[in-house]
Protein backbone atom coordinates (compact mmCIF):
# COMPACT_ATOMS: atom_id res chain seq x y z
CA UNK A 1 -28.55 34.24 -53.55
CA UNK A 2 -26.78 33.75 -50.14
CA UNK A 3 -24.78 36.39 -48.73
CA UNK A 4 -21.57 35.33 -46.92
CA UNK A 5 -21.80 36.37 -43.37
CA UNK A 6 -18.34 37.21 -41.69
CA UNK A 7 -17.57 34.77 -38.93
CA UNK A 8 -17.77 36.31 -35.53
CA UNK A 9 -14.48 35.99 -33.58
CA UNK A 10 -13.72 36.44 -29.76
CA UNK A 11 -10.42 36.38 -27.97
CA UNK A 12 -10.49 34.04 -25.36
CA UNK A 13 -7.72 34.31 -22.58
CA UNK A 14 -6.79 30.71 -21.01
CA UNK A 15 -4.53 30.16 -17.95
CA UNK A 16 -2.60 26.68 -18.13
CA UNK A 17 -0.96 25.12 -15.47
CA UNK A 18 0.49 21.83 -14.17
CA UNK A 19 2.78 20.51 -11.33
CA UNK A 20 3.18 16.76 -12.18
CA UNK A 21 5.25 15.01 -14.92
CA UNK A 22 7.23 16.95 -17.49
CA UNK A 23 5.40 20.29 -16.76
CA UNK A 24 7.13 22.25 -19.79
CA UNK A 25 6.07 19.53 -22.16
CA UNK A 26 2.45 19.33 -20.78
CA UNK A 27 2.10 23.10 -21.38
CA UNK A 28 3.51 22.92 -24.89
CA UNK A 29 1.32 20.14 -25.70
CA UNK A 30 -1.83 21.90 -24.30
CA UNK A 31 -0.99 24.89 -26.25
CA UNK A 32 -0.60 23.00 -29.44
CA UNK A 33 -4.05 21.24 -29.00
CA UNK A 34 -5.53 24.59 -28.05
CA UNK A 35 -4.45 25.76 -31.44
CA UNK A 36 -5.78 22.90 -33.13
CA UNK A 37 -9.24 22.57 -31.25
CA UNK A 38 -10.00 26.14 -29.97
CA UNK A 39 -8.58 28.60 -32.37
CA UNK A 40 -5.78 30.66 -33.61
CA UNK A 41 -3.15 31.37 -31.04
CA UNK A 42 -2.67 35.36 -30.71
CA UNK A 43 -0.22 35.76 -27.78
CA UNK A 44 1.51 33.20 -25.42
CA UNK A 45 3.12 34.54 -22.07
CA UNK A 46 6.36 33.40 -20.55
CA UNK A 47 6.32 30.49 -18.38
CA UNK A 48 6.01 31.25 -14.54
CA UNK A 49 6.84 28.78 -11.72
CA UNK A 50 4.38 29.53 -8.90
CA UNK A 51 3.90 28.11 -5.34
CA UNK A 52 0.69 26.01 -5.01
CA UNK A 53 -2.44 27.95 -4.08
CA UNK A 54 -5.01 26.71 -1.71
CA UNK A 55 -3.11 23.41 -0.86
CA UNK A 56 0.37 24.06 -0.58
CA UNK A 57 1.84 20.75 0.29
CA UNK A 58 2.77 19.85 -3.20
CA UNK A 59 5.31 20.67 -5.92
CA UNK A 60 5.52 24.20 -7.69
CA UNK A 61 3.44 24.70 -10.64
CA UNK A 62 4.30 25.81 -14.13
CA UNK A 63 1.76 28.31 -15.35
CA UNK A 64 1.21 30.29 -18.59
CA UNK A 65 -1.37 32.45 -20.39
CA UNK A 66 -2.64 32.20 -24.04
CA UNK A 67 -4.99 34.44 -25.95
CA UNK A 68 -6.57 32.50 -28.61
CA UNK A 69 -8.91 33.86 -31.33
CA UNK A 70 -11.97 31.64 -31.57
CA UNK A 71 -15.34 31.44 -33.26
CA UNK A 72 -16.56 28.76 -30.55
CA UNK A 73 -18.95 30.23 -27.90
CA UNK A 74 -17.66 30.22 -24.34
CA UNK A 75 -19.30 27.16 -23.17
CA UNK A 76 -17.71 25.27 -26.24
CA UNK A 77 -14.32 26.78 -25.36
CA UNK A 78 -14.72 25.41 -21.79
CA UNK A 79 -15.70 21.83 -23.05
CA UNK A 80 -12.61 22.01 -25.45
CA UNK A 81 -10.29 22.76 -22.72
CA UNK A 82 -11.71 20.05 -20.50
CA UNK A 83 -11.35 17.59 -23.35
CA UNK A 84 -7.73 18.79 -23.87
CA UNK A 85 -7.04 18.19 -20.02
CA UNK A 86 -8.50 14.68 -20.35
CA UNK A 87 -6.41 13.90 -23.54
CA UNK A 88 -3.30 14.94 -21.59
CA UNK A 89 -4.24 12.67 -18.78
CA UNK A 90 -5.66 14.87 -16.33
CA UNK A 91 -7.47 13.11 -13.28
CA UNK A 92 -9.46 15.11 -10.98
CA UNK A 93 -8.98 13.78 -7.51
CA UNK A 94 -9.34 16.65 -5.14
CA UNK A 95 -9.91 20.53 -5.25
CA UNK A 96 -6.56 22.43 -5.85
CA UNK A 97 -4.58 19.08 -5.96
CA UNK A 98 -1.74 18.01 -7.91
CA UNK A 99 -2.48 17.79 -11.65
CA UNK A 100 -0.79 17.10 -15.07
CA UNK A 101 -2.50 19.93 -16.55
CA UNK A 102 -5.11 22.44 -15.72
CA UNK A 103 -6.69 24.90 -18.46
CA UNK A 104 -9.07 27.69 -17.10
CA UNK A 105 -11.14 30.07 -19.10
CA UNK A 106 -10.13 33.61 -17.35
CA UNK A 107 -11.71 35.99 -19.99
CA UNK A 108 -13.99 35.75 -23.04
CA UNK A 109 -13.53 38.86 -24.66
CA UNK A 110 -15.09 41.50 -22.32
CA UNK A 111 -18.17 39.20 -21.89
CA UNK A 112 -19.52 38.62 -18.35
CA UNK A 113 -20.94 35.12 -18.21
CA UNK A 114 -22.52 33.20 -15.51
CA UNK A 115 -24.09 29.64 -16.18
CA UNK A 116 -24.90 28.17 -12.88
CA UNK A 117 -22.50 25.44 -11.88
CA UNK A 118 -20.90 25.38 -15.30
CA UNK A 119 -18.85 28.66 -16.45
CA UNK A 120 -18.10 32.05 -14.70
CA UNK A 121 -16.29 34.45 -16.73
CA UNK A 122 -14.25 36.49 -15.85
CA UNK A 123 -12.95 33.99 -13.64
CA UNK A 124 -14.27 34.93 -10.15
CA UNK A 125 -10.92 34.42 -8.28
CA UNK A 126 -8.45 35.72 -10.82
CA UNK A 127 -7.97 38.99 -9.21
CA UNK A 128 -6.86 37.29 -5.83
CA UNK A 129 -4.37 35.10 -7.47
CA UNK A 130 -0.78 36.19 -8.59
CA UNK A 131 -0.13 33.12 -10.49
CA UNK A 132 -3.08 34.02 -12.82
CA UNK A 133 -2.46 37.84 -13.04
CA UNK A 134 1.43 37.73 -13.73
CA UNK A 135 1.16 35.71 -16.96
CA UNK A 136 -2.16 37.65 -17.85
CA UNK A 137 -0.50 41.08 -17.39
CA UNK A 138 2.32 40.18 -19.65
CA UNK A 139 0.14 39.49 -22.50
CA UNK A 140 -2.98 41.83 -22.08
CA UNK A 141 -1.90 44.47 -19.54
CA UNK A 142 -4.33 47.13 -20.55
CA UNK A 143 -7.57 44.95 -20.85
CA UNK A 144 -10.19 46.32 -18.65
CA UNK A 145 -11.81 43.76 -16.38
CA UNK A 146 -15.51 44.10 -17.22
CA UNK A 147 -16.82 43.81 -13.66
CA UNK A 148 -13.94 45.53 -11.72
CA UNK A 149 -13.27 48.27 -14.36
CA UNK A 150 -9.48 48.10 -13.66
CA UNK A 151 -6.86 47.10 -16.15
CA UNK A 152 -5.19 43.71 -15.84
CA UNK A 153 -1.84 45.50 -14.90
CA UNK A 154 -3.51 47.59 -12.29
CA UNK A 155 -5.02 44.54 -10.72
CA UNK A 156 -1.61 42.73 -10.82
CA UNK A 157 0.24 45.56 -9.24
CA UNK A 158 -2.20 45.64 -6.35
CA UNK A 159 -2.82 42.25 -5.43
CA UNK A 160 -2.34 41.06 -2.02
CA UNK A 161 -1.51 37.45 -2.72
CA UNK A 162 2.18 36.65 -1.16
CA UNK A 163 2.58 33.28 -2.87
CA UNK A 164 5.98 33.03 -4.80
CA UNK A 165 5.62 33.60 -8.58
CA UNK A 166 8.82 33.45 -10.73
CA UNK A 167 9.12 34.05 -14.45
CA UNK A 168 11.57 31.53 -16.12
């Protein structure tokens, strides 16, 4: 007789962004595909218009954070996100360059993951980027960053990033 083992779930927090094409539609398509391919959508932030970070001679981005309940391991969530980007037409030309869609894995539950040249979670630059922290603070303000020991809201409220971020 086999015993049914309950599936293990983790909440993955993803940041979506893009500054080419129909930005709103690209976010909507990405969120739909995340729900189909990664797991159950638990929370979706407002859309934020943000200045480009790292390479500012390009159009403003739209960014949005999502929480998704998934049974997939973190590396498979990343692979699924990359596949979604490719499905939606993302072409990687240059670091921090223009893009139709970008999907980053920011948190995977409260896990700390470092798979050399593949995946670092929590995202190692999140605490320096207002465009990441603003939508994340909206959907999970009290989550504790497992390395910094601070809440998402506290990180956001004390960020030194001066780039424009505007909630739409």
